[in-house]
Amino acid sequence: MKSEARFTLSRIAIIVLSILIQMIYIGALVWSLAEYYMIGVVATTAIAVALVLWIVSRDINPSFKISWIILILVIPIFGILIYFLLGRPNLTKGLKVRGENAEKKLKPYVVFERNVINELEEKNPVVAKQSKYLEGIGKFPLYTNTKTEYFAKTEDAFEELKAQLRQAKSFIFMEYFIVADDSMWNEILDILKEKAKEGVEVRFIYDDMGSVTRLPYKYEKSLEQFGIQCRVFNPLMPLLSIVMNHRDHRKITVIDGLVGFTGGFNLADEYINRTSPHGLWKDAAVKIEGEAVASFTAMFLQMWNTIKDSDTVEDCKQYFLEEYPDYEEEGSGYVQPYCDTPLDHECVGENVYLNMIQNAKKYVYCFTPYLILDNETVEAFCLAAKSGIDVRIVTPNIPDKKMVFRLSQSYYKPLINAGVKIYQYTPGFIHSKCFLSDDKIAVCGTINLDYRSLYLHFECGCLLYHTRAVMQMKEDMEKTFRQSMEITKEFCDNTPFLRRVLQSILKLFAPLL
């Protein structure tokens, strides 16, 4: 284990050193042309202005435009270099083509039943509009005949996940952002190895950036030795053109096409409090059983076929059930899993949250580990609170990233002034990504309230309407409010001057962090 850890650190060091050498080389090249100073200044200025004009013309969030424009105009050479490293939209062209091909192949297996959406429209036209948006944009249908269970503690979700994995008979699909070679993952791995021996098809996806410090290099080869198929999303390479912005932040498990899990937790010991780097770690998950699992199956298979550079897409019919057990019962309600991708320039995750805020009648509650908002979301929260809606947001009290924590706190004052109630989770770090409104509609998934989740990462969520999980989430939220400290105007006013300066600078470049 120590040798593997050293190798992992060496790999990171090599990547960072390689990129630095490339940047130094470019800088030295520019410096060597110092005798042509005026020509260099004119050329750099011309490139910077042309790039700024092109950024202005792009169909992206204005906050991104402002951050890039300031960086490029204030520090032209550095800004241009960083933009071509992190800001180019065409870097994901190959992913987009493969993703579109996979989506076309999977489309016949994700069935839309018009009677379901029509039934919801009669009960609640406002929620039906939300559902129609997800059907039209995300191509994911609304389902009934699906049982849901919300887990307020990752420890409980972990035990249920293991129990369901042990019952797998046909296939297991798992996709996670962070996987750590520690006790939580090894308990799951033992089950996966046993299931692979039994003939169960096991597939696993992990994100290389998320797991680079947690897993040995080429870890997928180790899994393949156990009969576990594995693919790595966007492997890190020591090149200046590295695509670091787009990561697979999803957390999905699908078992036999009948049981699915999603939520905030990754596969590492801190998520189940076996280690405590940030106090008590609070996360959430939802388990679904029934027809809606088909959408999570499709999400996984689309990503699986998007990662691999191949001209053909596998036939996936065998992974979709033609018949399901009867889960129609009191509290089963409506379920709509969905995903978000940076490849289509449609901010599905943000739009779902905005619709919930704007259509709330009594209250809207939110759990998020990071609170880094664009103007639209700030205005939506403030307008709802000013209209008499009970708006509450819970963030961590003990941060995992101090700079991001300070940036999150910079958004408190305008929200509180509008009547939004902000809480910090006193026992430690809250990593849950949950929205709840009016005892009726809820979302549990992987989507944080920050620019990376809303605009740059591959994400997923589960929309719930009048299901058992909705009221379970409310119970958890009410308990969490009591465990948390409400932030006051005085708290914001007493922020030290230098911290305010830092927050202002961070806020300026928030979309790029």
Protein backbone atom coordinates (compact mmCIF):
# COMPACT_ATOMS: atom_id res chain seq x y z
CA MET A 1 0.00 0.00 0.00
CA LYS A 2 2.83 2.43 0.86
CA SER A 3 4.57 1.73 -2.46
CA GLU A 4 1.30 2.24 -4.34
CA ALA A 5 0.71 5.53 -2.54
CA ARG A 6 4.23 6.69 -3.40
CA PHE A 7 3.66 5.72 -7.05
CA THR A 8 0.37 7.66 -7.13
CA LEU A 9 2.04 10.76 -5.70
CA SER A 10 4.86 10.33 -8.20
CA ARG A 11 2.33 10.18 -11.03
CA ILE A 12 0.70 13.42 -9.88
CA ALA A 13 4.10 15.05 -9.50
CA ILE A 14 5.09 13.97 -13.03
CA ILE A 15 1.87 15.38 -14.49
CA VAL A 16 2.21 18.70 -12.66
CA LEU A 17 5.94 18.96 -13.46
CA SER A 18 5.34 18.18 -17.12
CA ILE A 19 2.69 20.88 -17.45
CA LEU A 20 4.89 23.39 -15.62
CA ILE A 21 7.83 22.62 -17.93
CA GLN A 22 5.61 23.19 -20.95
CA MET A 23 4.37 26.50 -19.53
CA ILE A 24 7.93 27.59 -18.66
CA TYR A 25 9.05 26.67 -22.17
CA ILE A 26 6.33 28.84 -23.69
CA GLY A 27 7.21 31.66 -21.30
CA ALA A 28 10.92 31.37 -22.18
CA LEU A 29 10.06 31.40 -25.86
CA VAL A 30 8.12 34.61 -25.40
CA TRP A 31 10.98 36.11 -23.33
CA SER A 32 13.51 35.22 -26.02
CA LEU A 33 11.59 37.43 -28.37
CA ALA A 34 12.06 40.42 -26.06
CA GLU A 35 13.99 42.27 -28.76
CA TYR A 36 10.78 42.28 -30.71
CA TYR A 37 8.97 43.70 -27.67
CA MET A 38 6.64 46.07 -29.49
CA ILE A 39 5.72 43.47 -32.07
CA GLY A 40 5.06 41.00 -29.24
CA VAL A 41 2.90 43.48 -27.35
CA VAL A 42 0.85 44.29 -30.43
CA ALA A 43 0.48 40.63 -31.38
CA THR A 44 -0.48 39.58 -27.84
CA THR A 45 -2.96 42.44 -27.55
CA ALA A 46 -4.50 41.57 -30.90
CA ILE A 47 -4.88 37.91 -29.90
CA ALA A 48 -6.33 38.89 -26.51
CA VAL A 49 -8.88 41.26 -28.07
CA ALA A 50 -9.86 38.72 -30.73
CA LEU A 51 -10.24 36.03 -28.07
CA VAL A 52 -12.33 38.33 -25.86
CA LEU A 53 -14.63 39.17 -28.78
CA TRP A 54 -15.03 35.47 -29.51
CA ILE A 55 -15.81 34.71 -25.85
CA VAL A 56 -18.44 37.48 -25.84
CA SER A 57 -20.11 35.88 -28.86
CA ARG A 58 -20.27 32.43 -27.25
CA ASP A 59 -23.54 31.14 -25.86
CA ILE A 60 -22.36 30.64 -22.28
CA ASN A 61 -23.26 32.02 -18.88
CA PRO A 62 -22.29 35.72 -18.57
CA SER A 63 -20.39 34.99 -15.35
CA PHE A 64 -17.96 32.79 -17.27
CA LYS A 65 -17.52 35.50 -19.89
CA ILE A 66 -16.68 38.17 -17.32
CA SER A 67 -14.13 36.00 -15.50
CA TRP A 68 -12.32 35.00 -18.69
CA ILE A 69 -12.38 38.54 -20.11
CA ILE A 70 -10.81 40.03 -16.96
CA LEU A 71 -8.15 37.30 -16.79
CA ILE A 72 -7.20 37.65 -20.47
CA LEU A 73 -7.13 41.45 -20.54
CA VAL A 74 -5.32 41.94 -17.21
CA ILE A 75 -2.71 39.19 -17.72
CA PRO A 76 -2.78 38.55 -21.51
CA ILE A 77 -0.12 35.88 -21.96
CA PHE A 78 -1.10 33.93 -18.85
CA GLY A 79 -4.83 34.42 -19.49
CA ILE A 80 -4.61 33.24 -23.12
CA LEU A 81 -2.56 30.21 -22.09
CA ILE A 82 -4.98 29.24 -19.30
CA TYR A 83 -7.97 29.72 -21.58
CA PHE A 84 -6.57 27.33 -24.16
CA LEU A 85 -5.80 24.91 -21.35
CA LEU A 86 -9.16 25.03 -19.57
CA GLY A 87 -11.67 27.07 -21.52
CA ARG A 88 -11.93 25.69 -25.05
CA PRO A 89 -15.33 24.13 -25.83
CA ASN A 90 -14.10 21.97 -28.73
CA LEU A 91 -11.91 19.79 -26.49
CA THR A 92 -14.88 17.49 -25.85
CA LYS A 93 -15.87 17.02 -29.50
CA GLY A 94 -14.92 13.33 -29.49
CA LEU A 95 -16.88 12.73 -26.30
CA LYS A 96 -19.89 14.49 -27.79
CA VAL A 97 -19.93 12.39 -30.95
CA ARG A 98 -19.59 9.12 -29.04
CA GLY A 99 -22.25 10.25 -26.55
CA GLU A 100 -24.72 11.10 -29.30
CA ASN A 101 -24.14 7.73 -30.97
CA ALA A 102 -24.72 5.92 -27.67
CA GLU A 103 -27.88 7.95 -26.98
CA LYS A 104 -29.35 6.99 -30.37
CA LYS A 105 -28.64 3.32 -29.71
CA LEU A 106 -30.27 3.43 -26.27
CA LYS A 107 -33.31 5.50 -27.26
CA PRO A 108 -35.58 2.51 -28.12
CA TYR A 109 -35.17 1.07 -24.61
CA VAL A 110 -36.20 4.18 -22.67
CA VAL A 111 -39.96 4.15 -23.20
CA PHE A 112 -42.18 7.22 -22.81
CA GLU A 113 -45.73 6.47 -21.66
CA ARG A 114 -47.96 9.44 -22.46
CA ASN A 115 -50.67 8.34 -20.04
CA VAL A 116 -48.27 8.85 -17.10
CA ILE A 117 -47.45 12.47 -17.88
CA ASN A 118 -51.11 13.15 -18.75
CA GLU A 119 -52.13 11.73 -15.38
CA LEU A 120 -49.65 13.98 -13.58
CA GLU A 121 -50.84 17.00 -15.56
CA GLU A 122 -54.35 16.49 -14.22
CA LYS A 123 -53.04 16.30 -10.65
CA ASN A 124 -50.45 19.08 -10.78
CA PRO A 125 -49.91 21.05 -14.03
CA VAL A 126 -46.91 22.92 -12.57
CA VAL A 127 -44.96 19.75 -11.73
CA ALA A 128 -46.03 18.29 -15.08
CA LYS A 129 -44.31 21.22 -16.82
CA GLN A 130 -41.11 20.36 -14.95
CA SER A 131 -41.46 16.75 -16.04
CA LYS A 132 -42.13 17.70 -19.67
CA TYR A 133 -38.96 19.79 -19.66
CA LEU A 134 -36.91 16.78 -18.53
CA GLU A 135 -38.58 14.55 -21.12
CA GLY A 136 -38.02 17.02 -23.93
CA ILE A 137 -34.45 18.03 -23.11
CA GLY A 138 -33.00 15.08 -21.26
CA LYS A 139 -34.96 12.35 -23.05
CA PHE A 140 -35.75 10.70 -19.72
CA PRO A 141 -39.36 9.71 -19.02
CA LEU A 142 -41.59 10.01 -16.00
CA TYR A 143 -42.42 6.74 -14.23
CA THR A 144 -44.88 5.29 -11.80
CA ASN A 145 -44.64 1.73 -10.46
CA THR A 146 -41.43 2.65 -8.65
CA LYS A 147 -40.70 2.30 -4.96
CA THR A 148 -38.40 4.89 -3.33
CA GLU A 149 -36.43 5.09 -0.10
CA TYR A 150 -34.42 8.07 1.14
CA PHE A 151 -31.36 7.56 3.33
CA ALA A 152 -30.41 10.41 5.68
CA LYS A 153 -27.17 8.63 6.63
CA THR A 154 -24.66 7.19 4.20
CA GLU A 155 -23.89 4.44 6.70
CA ASP A 156 -27.45 3.11 6.25
CA ALA A 157 -27.32 3.51 2.48
CA PHE A 158 -24.01 1.63 2.41
CA GLU A 159 -25.44 -1.36 4.28
CA GLU A 160 -28.46 -1.46 1.97
CA LEU A 161 -26.21 -1.14 -1.08
CA LYS A 162 -24.16 -4.14 0.01
CA ALA A 163 -27.31 -6.15 0.71
CA GLN A 164 -28.67 -5.44 -2.77
CA LEU A 165 -25.33 -6.19 -4.45
CA ARG A 166 -25.26 -9.59 -2.80
CA GLN A 167 -28.65 -10.37 -4.37
CA ALA A 168 -27.55 -9.54 -7.93
CA LYS A 169 -28.27 -12.29 -10.44
CA SER A 170 -27.65 -10.80 -13.87
CA PHE A 171 -25.58 -7.61 -13.87
CA ILE A 172 -24.14 -4.82 -11.73
CA PHE A 173 -23.31 -1.35 -13.07
CA MET A 174 -21.47 1.17 -10.86
CA GLU A 175 -20.26 4.68 -11.73
CA TYR A 176 -18.54 6.93 -9.15
CA PHE A 177 -16.47 10.11 -9.06
CA ILE A 178 -14.24 9.15 -6.12
CA VAL A 179 -13.11 5.64 -5.27
CA ALA A 180 -10.57 5.17 -2.48
CA ASP A 181 -8.59 2.02 -1.81
CA ASP A 182 -9.83 1.75 1.77
CA SER A 183 -12.28 -0.30 3.83
CA MET A 184 -15.55 0.99 2.31
CA TRP A 185 -14.51 0.23 -1.24
CA ASN A 186 -12.83 -3.04 -0.33
CA GLU A 187 -16.03 -4.34 1.25
CA ILE A 188 -17.85 -3.60 -1.99
CA LEU A 189 -15.00 -4.99 -4.06
CA ASP A 190 -15.16 -8.31 -2.18
CA ILE A 191 -18.84 -8.59 -3.14
CA LEU A 192 -18.15 -7.64 -6.76
CA LYS A 193 -15.38 -10.23 -7.04
CA GLU A 194 -17.65 -12.92 -5.64
CA LYS A 195 -20.46 -11.94 -7.99
CA ALA A 196 -18.12 -11.97 -10.98
CA LYS A 197 -17.10 -15.53 -10.05
CA GLU A 198 -20.78 -16.49 -9.99
CA GLY A 199 -21.17 -15.27 -13.57
CA VAL A 200 -22.79 -11.92 -12.84
CA GLU A 201 -21.68 -9.26 -15.33
CA VAL A 202 -19.95 -6.47 -13.40
CA ARG A 203 -19.04 -3.12 -14.93
CA PHE A 204 -17.40 -0.21 -13.14
CA ILE A 205 -16.62 3.41 -14.10
CA TYR A 206 -14.55 5.84 -12.06
CA ASP A 207 -13.26 9.34 -12.75
CA ASP A 208 -9.49 9.60 -12.94
CA MET A 209 -9.30 13.12 -11.51
CA GLY A 210 -11.59 12.26 -8.60
CA SER A 211 -9.66 9.11 -7.74
CA VAL A 212 -6.10 10.00 -8.75
CA THR A 213 -4.86 10.34 -5.15
CA ARG A 214 -6.98 7.42 -3.93
CA LEU A 215 -6.23 4.55 -6.32
CA PRO A 216 -3.05 3.04 -7.79
CA TYR A 217 -2.15 3.90 -11.37
CA LYS A 218 -3.92 1.72 -13.97
CA TYR A 219 -6.23 0.39 -11.28
CA GLU A 220 -8.68 -0.73 -13.95
CA LYS A 221 -6.24 -3.49 -14.89
CA SER A 222 -6.41 -4.86 -11.35
CA LEU A 223 -10.22 -4.98 -11.50
CA GLU A 224 -10.18 -6.74 -14.85
CA GLN A 225 -8.11 -9.54 -13.28
CA PHE A 226 -11.11 -10.24 -11.03
CA GLY A 227 -13.50 -10.41 -13.98
CA ILE A 228 -14.76 -6.85 -13.43
CA GLN A 229 -15.00 -4.74 -16.58
CA CYS A 230 -13.75 -1.22 -15.92
CA ARG A 231 -13.43 2.06 -17.77
CA VAL A 232 -11.80 5.28 -16.58
CA PHE A 233 -13.34 8.62 -17.44
CA ASN A 234 -10.99 11.26 -18.89
CA PRO A 235 -7.61 9.87 -17.74
CA LEU A 236 -5.10 12.49 -16.64
CA MET A 237 -2.25 13.02 -19.08
CA PRO A 238 0.90 15.14 -18.69
CA LEU A 239 -0.03 17.44 -21.58
CA LEU A 240 -0.75 21.14 -21.68
CA SER A 241 -3.96 20.42 -23.60
CA ILE A 242 -5.30 18.32 -20.75
CA VAL A 243 -9.11 18.49 -20.41
CA MET A 244 -9.47 18.99 -16.67
CA ASN A 245 -12.76 20.87 -16.58
CA HIS A 246 -15.16 18.10 -17.57
CA ARG A 247 -15.38 15.33 -14.97
CA ASP A 248 -17.78 12.44 -14.36
CA HIS A 249 -19.28 13.51 -11.03
CA ARG A 250 -22.16 10.98 -11.12
CA LYS A 251 -22.82 8.36 -8.46
CA ILE A 252 -24.91 5.50 -9.87
CA THR A 253 -25.45 1.85 -9.02
CA VAL A 254 -27.80 -0.36 -11.05
CA ILE A 255 -28.52 -3.96 -10.08
CA ASP A 256 -30.28 -6.29 -12.54
CA GLY A 257 -32.14 -3.32 -14.05
CA LEU A 258 -34.49 -3.46 -11.07
CA VAL A 259 -32.72 -1.61 -8.23
CA GLY A 260 -30.87 1.69 -8.48
CA PHE A 261 -29.00 4.05 -6.13
CA THR A 262 -27.88 7.64 -6.47
CA GLY A 263 -27.02 10.51 -4.14
CA GLY A 264 -24.04 12.45 -2.89
CA PHE A 265 -21.83 9.73 -1.48
CA ASN A 266 -18.69 8.36 -3.12
CA LEU A 267 -16.82 5.17 -2.20
CA ALA A 268 -14.37 6.32 0.48
CA ASP A 269 -14.23 5.93 4.26
CA GLU A 270 -15.04 9.55 5.14
CA TYR A 271 -18.47 9.15 3.57
CA ILE A 272 -19.43 6.58 6.20
CA ASN A 273 -17.50 8.31 9.02
CA ARG A 274 -14.82 5.67 9.41
CA THR A 275 -12.45 8.60 9.11
CA SER A 276 -13.36 12.13 10.18
CA PRO A 277 -11.23 14.73 8.36
CA HIS A 278 -14.03 17.32 8.57
CA GLY A 279 -16.08 16.42 11.60
CA LEU A 280 -19.25 14.38 11.15
CA TRP A 281 -19.81 13.77 7.44
CA LYS A 282 -23.46 14.00 6.44
CA ASP A 283 -24.61 12.74 3.06
CA ALA A 284 -27.82 11.45 1.47
CA ALA A 285 -28.90 8.80 -1.00
CA VAL A 286 -32.04 7.48 -2.58
CA LYS A 287 -32.82 3.91 -3.61
CA ILE A 288 -35.39 3.22 -6.30
CA GLU A 289 -36.93 -0.10 -7.29
CA GLY A 290 -39.03 -0.62 -10.39
CA GLU A 291 -39.53 0.92 -13.80
CA ALA A 292 -37.58 4.17 -13.21
CA VAL A 293 -34.34 2.20 -12.86
CA ALA A 294 -34.32 1.91 -16.67
CA SER A 295 -33.21 5.54 -16.91
CA PHE A 296 -30.20 4.95 -14.63
CA THR A 297 -29.35 1.89 -16.74
CA ALA A 298 -29.42 4.07 -19.85
CA MET A 299 -27.28 6.77 -18.20
CA PHE A 300 -24.62 4.26 -17.24
CA LEU A 301 -24.54 2.54 -20.64
CA GLN A 302 -24.37 5.86 -22.45
CA MET A 303 -21.35 6.89 -20.38
CA TRP A 304 -19.80 3.45 -20.81
CA ASN A 305 -20.00 3.76 -24.60
CA THR A 306 -19.02 7.44 -24.54
CA ILE A 307 -15.73 6.74 -22.79
CA LYS A 308 -14.55 4.12 -25.28
CA ASP A 309 -13.32 5.41 -28.63
CA SER A 310 -15.12 2.97 -30.92
CA ASP A 311 -17.09 3.15 -34.15
CA THR A 312 -19.69 0.70 -32.88
CA VAL A 313 -22.03 0.77 -29.89
CA GLU A 314 -23.04 -2.47 -28.22
CA ASP A 315 -26.56 -3.86 -28.31
CA CYS A 316 -28.03 -3.07 -24.88
CA LYS A 317 -31.46 -4.70 -25.11
CA GLN A 318 -30.62 -7.40 -22.58
CA TYR A 319 -30.19 -4.81 -19.80
CA PHE A 320 -33.75 -3.48 -19.96
CA LEU A 321 -36.62 -5.44 -18.45
CA GLU A 322 -39.87 -5.97 -20.32
CA GLU A 323 -41.90 -6.58 -17.15
CA TYR A 324 -41.55 -5.31 -13.59
CA PRO A 325 -43.02 -6.39 -10.26
CA ASP A 326 -46.02 -4.40 -9.06
CA TYR A 327 -44.79 -1.51 -6.92
CA GLU A 328 -48.00 0.49 -7.09
CA GLU A 329 -48.75 1.30 -3.48
CA GLU A 330 -49.61 4.27 -1.33
CA GLY A 331 -46.76 6.75 -1.50
CA SER A 332 -45.19 5.31 -4.67
CA GLY A 333 -45.95 8.52 -6.60
CA TYR A 334 -43.93 9.62 -9.63
CA VAL A 335 -40.19 9.23 -10.23
CA GLN A 336 -38.01 10.75 -12.95
CA PRO A 337 -34.27 10.11 -12.97
CA TYR A 338 -32.33 12.52 -15.18
CA CYS A 339 -28.79 13.50 -16.03
CA ASP A 340 -26.90 16.62 -16.98
CA THR A 341 -23.99 16.89 -19.39
CA PRO A 342 -21.71 19.78 -20.41
CA LEU A 343 -21.81 18.59 -24.01
CA ASP A 344 -25.27 19.91 -24.92
CA HIS A 345 -25.01 23.44 -23.41
CA GLU A 346 -28.31 22.88 -21.60
CA CYS A 347 -28.09 23.53 -17.84
CA VAL A 348 -30.58 20.84 -16.84
CA GLY A 349 -29.50 20.61 -13.21
CA GLU A 350 -29.74 24.35 -12.63
CA ASN A 351 -33.06 24.64 -14.47
CA VAL A 352 -34.65 21.94 -12.31
CA TYR A 353 -33.56 23.78 -9.17
CA LEU A 354 -34.76 27.15 -10.53
CA ASN A 355 -38.15 25.70 -11.43
CA MET A 356 -38.55 24.32 -7.92
CA ILE A 357 -37.64 27.68 -6.36
CA GLN A 358 -39.90 29.69 -8.65
CA ASN A 359 -42.91 27.38 -8.30
CA ALA A 360 -42.78 26.86 -4.52
CA LYS A 361 -46.01 27.81 -2.73
CA LYS A 362 -44.99 27.46 0.92
CA TYR A 363 -41.33 26.51 1.27
CA VAL A 364 -38.19 25.34 -0.48
CA TYR A 365 -35.36 23.70 1.47
CA CYS A 366 -31.88 22.94 0.19
CA PHE A 367 -28.79 20.97 1.26
CA THR A 368 -25.57 21.84 -0.59
CA PRO A 369 -21.87 21.52 0.32
CA TYR A 370 -20.96 24.52 -1.84
CA LEU A 371 -22.93 27.73 -2.39
CA ILE A 372 -21.39 29.43 -5.41
CA LEU A 373 -24.28 30.98 -7.32
CA ASP A 374 -24.81 32.82 -10.57
CA ASN A 375 -27.05 35.88 -10.67
CA GLU A 376 -30.11 33.93 -11.84
CA THR A 377 -30.04 31.59 -8.86
CA VAL A 378 -29.41 34.40 -6.35
CA GLU A 379 -32.36 36.34 -7.76
CA ALA A 380 -34.60 33.25 -7.69
CA PHE A 381 -33.84 32.56 -4.02
CA CYS A 382 -34.25 36.23 -3.07
CA LEU A 383 -37.50 36.69 -4.99
CA ALA A 384 -38.98 33.56 -3.42
CA ALA A 385 -38.07 34.75 0.09
CA LYS A 386 -39.39 38.26 -0.58
CA SER A 387 -42.65 36.68 -1.76
CA GLY A 388 -43.16 35.00 1.60
CA ILE A 389 -41.76 31.58 0.74
CA ASP A 390 -39.84 29.89 3.56
CA VAL A 391 -36.41 29.47 1.93
CA ARG A 392 -33.74 27.58 3.88
CA ILE A 393 -30.26 26.54 2.79
CA VAL A 394 -27.88 24.33 4.78
CA THR A 395 -24.14 24.46 4.12
CA PRO A 396 -21.17 22.95 6.03
CA ASN A 397 -19.75 24.36 9.24
CA ILE A 398 -16.44 22.53 8.83
CA PRO A 399 -15.22 22.90 5.22
CA ASP A 400 -13.38 20.40 3.06
CA LYS A 401 -11.98 23.23 0.91
CA LYS A 402 -11.36 26.43 2.88
CA MET A 403 -11.12 28.73 -0.13
CA VAL A 404 -14.42 27.45 -1.54
CA PHE A 405 -15.96 27.73 1.95
CA ARG A 406 -14.99 31.42 2.18
CA LEU A 407 -16.38 31.97 -1.30
CA SER A 408 -19.65 30.28 -0.30
CA GLN A 409 -19.94 32.58 2.72
CA SER A 410 -19.65 35.62 0.46
CA TYR A 411 -23.13 34.81 -0.88
CA TYR A 412 -24.76 34.76 2.56
CA LYS A 413 -25.41 38.49 3.06
CA PRO A 414 -27.56 39.27 -0.03
CA LEU A 415 -29.57 36.11 0.56
CA ILE A 416 -30.12 36.82 4.26
CA ASN A 417 -31.05 40.44 3.53
CA ALA A 418 -33.79 39.13 1.23
CA GLY A 419 -35.15 36.82 3.93
CA VAL A 420 -33.42 33.54 3.05
CA LYS A 421 -32.43 31.50 6.10
CA ILE A 422 -28.87 30.17 5.92
CA TYR A 423 -27.66 27.41 8.24
CA GLN A 424 -24.25 25.86 8.78
CA TYR A 425 -24.29 22.19 9.78
CA THR A 426 -22.65 22.37 13.21
CA PRO A 427 -21.44 18.75 13.61
CA GLY A 428 -19.24 18.96 10.52
CA PHE A 429 -19.47 18.72 6.75
CA ILE A 430 -22.73 18.28 4.82
CA HIS A 431 -22.21 16.78 1.37
CA SER A 432 -25.88 16.08 0.52
CA LYS A 433 -27.34 17.60 -2.64
CA CYS A 434 -31.08 17.77 -1.95
CA PHE A 435 -33.97 20.10 -2.79
CA LEU A 436 -37.46 19.85 -1.25
CA SER A 437 -40.59 21.90 -1.80
CA ASP A 438 -44.11 21.97 -0.32
CA ASP A 439 -44.19 18.35 0.94
CA LYS A 440 -44.67 17.27 -2.68
CA ILE A 441 -41.59 17.47 -4.86
CA ALA A 442 -37.95 16.71 -4.15
CA VAL A 443 -34.62 16.09 -5.86
CA CYS A 444 -31.77 13.93 -4.59
CA GLY A 445 -28.64 13.50 -6.65
CA THR A 446 -25.08 14.63 -7.31
CA ILE A 447 -25.60 18.26 -8.37
CA ASN A 448 -24.04 20.92 -6.12
CA LEU A 449 -24.95 24.59 -6.19
CA ASP A 450 -21.70 25.64 -7.81
CA TYR A 451 -20.47 26.40 -11.31
CA ARG A 452 -18.65 23.11 -11.76
CA SER A 453 -21.67 20.94 -11.05
CA LEU A 454 -24.12 23.17 -12.90
CA TYR A 455 -22.04 23.84 -16.01
CA LEU A 456 -18.96 21.64 -16.34
CA HIS A 457 -19.51 18.17 -14.88
CA PHE A 458 -21.49 15.12 -15.89
CA GLU A 459 -24.16 14.85 -13.19
CA CYS A 460 -27.38 13.04 -12.33
CA GLY A 461 -30.43 13.46 -10.13
CA CYS A 462 -33.77 11.91 -9.30
CA LEU A 463 -36.97 13.98 -9.33
CA LEU A 464 -39.55 12.68 -6.84
CA TYR A 465 -43.21 13.68 -6.62
CA HIS A 466 -45.53 12.43 -3.86
CA THR A 467 -43.28 9.46 -3.09
CA ARG A 468 -42.38 7.98 0.28
CA ALA A 469 -38.86 9.42 -0.08
CA VAL A 470 -40.18 13.00 -0.21
CA MET A 471 -41.48 12.95 3.35
CA GLN A 472 -38.45 11.00 4.54
CA MET A 473 -36.31 13.83 3.17
CA LYS A 474 -38.46 16.42 4.96
CA GLU A 475 -38.01 14.61 8.27
CA ASP A 476 -34.23 14.61 7.74
CA MET A 477 -34.18 18.29 6.83
CA GLU A 478 -36.17 19.37 9.86
CA LYS A 479 -33.81 17.39 12.08
CA THR A 480 -30.79 18.94 10.35
CA PHE A 481 -32.08 22.49 10.90
CA ARG A 482 -32.14 21.78 14.64
CA GLN A 483 -28.55 20.51 14.49
CA SER A 484 -27.33 23.57 12.59
CA MET A 485 -26.43 27.17 13.40
CA GLU A 486 -28.51 29.86 11.70
CA ILE A 487 -26.33 32.57 10.18
CA THR A 488 -27.29 36.14 11.11
CA LYS A 489 -26.71 39.53 9.50
CA GLU A 490 -24.31 40.29 12.36
CA PHE A 491 -22.24 37.26 11.42
CA CYS A 492 -21.87 38.64 7.89
CA ASP A 493 -21.22 42.20 9.06
CA ASN A 494 -18.43 41.03 11.39
CA THR A 495 -16.44 39.43 8.58
CA PRO A 496 -12.85 40.73 8.83
CA PHE A 497 -11.84 43.28 6.19
CA LEU A 498 -9.05 41.19 4.64
CA ARG A 499 -11.39 38.22 4.36
CA ARG A 500 -13.91 40.42 2.54
CA VAL A 501 -11.20 41.46 0.10
CA LEU A 502 -10.28 37.82 -0.49
CA GLN A 503 -13.95 36.91 -0.97
CA SER A 504 -14.36 39.70 -3.54
CA ILE A 505 -11.39 38.43 -5.52
CA LEU A 506 -12.61 34.83 -5.31
CA LYS A 507 -16.11 35.89 -6.35
CA LEU A 508 -14.70 37.58 -9.43
CA PHE A 509 -13.19 34.30 -10.61
CA ALA A 510 -15.79 31.96 -9.08
CA PRO A 511 -16.78 30.38 -12.44
CA LEU A 512 -13.18 29.31 -13.03
CA LEU A 513 -12.49 27.74 -9.61
